[in-house]
Amino acid sequence: MPELSRFYNIVIKMIFSDNGQHNKPHIHAYYNEYEASIGIDGELLAGSLPVKQLKLVEAWLTIHEDELYASWNLAVRNEHFGKIAPLQ
């Protein structure tokens, strides 16, 4: 599962060919023992994150929406994508 970004101890990843389970473009966020699948539109699809970290991820998703959709389009075709800048 390639890593897209890392900020404030939150790791953001995107899985190749991962368009079956949630049926919408999404990322996987990891923070300590928490894991969540979050739509690029900010919808929490599965799992959980603490509120503060979820807000940070939502802000990052908003800032990088275009880049995330471009990465998603590559990932569903099993093509490599680059990293996206962290939240600063």
Protein backbone atom coordinates (compact mmCIF):
# COMPACT_ATOMS: atom_id res chain seq x y z
CA MET A 1 0.00 0.00 0.00
CA PRO A 2 1.88 3.09 -1.20
CA GLU A 3 2.19 6.04 1.13
CA LEU A 4 0.79 9.34 -0.15
CA SER A 5 1.76 11.59 2.73
CA ARG A 6 2.71 11.77 6.40
CA PHE A 7 2.02 14.63 8.82
CA TYR A 8 1.49 15.02 12.57
CA ASN A 9 2.03 11.25 13.04
CA ILE A 10 -0.79 10.54 10.58
CA VAL A 11 0.09 8.29 7.64
CA ILE A 12 -2.02 8.55 4.48
CA LYS A 13 -2.01 5.64 2.02
CA MET A 14 -3.84 4.62 -1.14
CA ILE A 15 -4.24 1.03 -2.31
CA PHE A 16 -3.92 -0.08 -5.93
CA SER A 17 -7.18 -1.43 -7.47
CA ASP A 18 -9.12 -0.46 -4.32
CA ASN A 19 -12.38 0.59 -5.98
CA GLY A 20 -14.50 -2.41 -4.98
CA GLN A 21 -15.18 -2.21 -1.26
CA HIS A 22 -16.15 1.45 -0.81
CA ASN A 23 -17.09 2.23 -4.43
CA LYS A 24 -15.75 5.78 -4.25
CA PRO A 25 -12.33 7.44 -4.35
CA HIS A 26 -10.81 7.27 -0.87
CA ILE A 27 -7.65 7.13 1.21
CA HIS A 28 -6.61 5.12 4.24
CA ALA A 29 -5.45 7.10 7.27
CA TYR A 30 -3.45 5.64 10.17
CA TYR A 31 -2.77 7.27 13.50
CA ASN A 32 -1.34 5.16 16.34
CA GLU A 33 -3.83 2.29 16.79
CA TYR A 34 -6.54 4.01 14.73
CA GLU A 35 -7.34 3.30 11.08
CA ALA A 36 -9.95 4.90 8.85
CA SER A 37 -11.03 4.85 5.23
CA ILE A 38 -12.06 8.35 4.21
CA GLY A 39 -13.53 9.48 0.90
CA ILE A 40 -11.64 12.18 -0.95
CA ASP A 41 -14.79 14.22 -0.36
CA GLY A 42 -14.21 13.87 3.42
CA GLU A 43 -16.85 11.21 4.15
CA LEU A 44 -15.78 8.70 6.81
CA LEU A 45 -16.36 5.32 5.16
CA ALA A 46 -14.99 2.91 7.75
CA GLY A 47 -12.97 2.86 10.94
CA SER A 48 -12.22 5.84 13.12
CA LEU A 49 -9.68 8.51 14.04
CA PRO A 50 -9.61 10.84 17.02
CA VAL A 51 -11.56 14.04 16.23
CA LYS A 52 -8.47 16.27 16.04
CA GLN A 53 -6.68 13.95 13.60
CA LEU A 54 -9.84 13.48 11.52
CA LYS A 55 -10.15 17.27 11.16
CA LEU A 56 -6.49 17.47 10.06
CA VAL A 57 -7.06 14.76 7.44
CA GLU A 58 -10.23 16.49 6.21
CA ALA A 59 -8.31 19.76 5.82
CA TRP A 60 -5.53 17.97 3.92
CA LEU A 61 -8.09 16.30 1.65
CA THR A 62 -9.64 19.66 0.82
CA ILE A 63 -6.29 21.29 0.03
CA HIS A 64 -5.12 18.42 -2.18
CA GLU A 65 -8.40 17.32 -3.77
CA ASP A 66 -7.24 17.60 -7.40
CA GLU A 67 -3.98 15.74 -6.71
CA LEU A 68 -5.87 13.02 -4.83
CA TYR A 69 -8.29 12.39 -7.69
CA ALA A 70 -5.34 12.20 -10.10
CA SER A 71 -3.61 9.69 -7.80
CA TRP A 72 -6.85 7.70 -7.45
CA ASN A 73 -7.22 7.46 -11.22
CA LEU A 74 -3.70 6.05 -11.47
CA ALA A 75 -4.13 3.69 -8.50
CA VAL A 76 -7.29 2.02 -9.83
CA ARG A 77 -5.33 1.22 -13.01
CA ASN A 78 -2.46 -0.22 -10.92
CA GLU A 79 -0.21 2.66 -11.98
CA HIS A 80 2.21 4.33 -9.60
CA PHE A 81 1.50 7.80 -8.22
CA GLY A 82 3.72 10.27 -6.43
CA LYS A 83 3.63 11.58 -2.90
CA ILE A 84 1.52 14.58 -1.98
CA ALA A 85 2.79 17.40 0.24
CA PRO A 86 2.04 17.07 3.95
CA LEU A 87 -0.18 19.44 5.89
CA GLN A 88 1.94 22.24 7.32
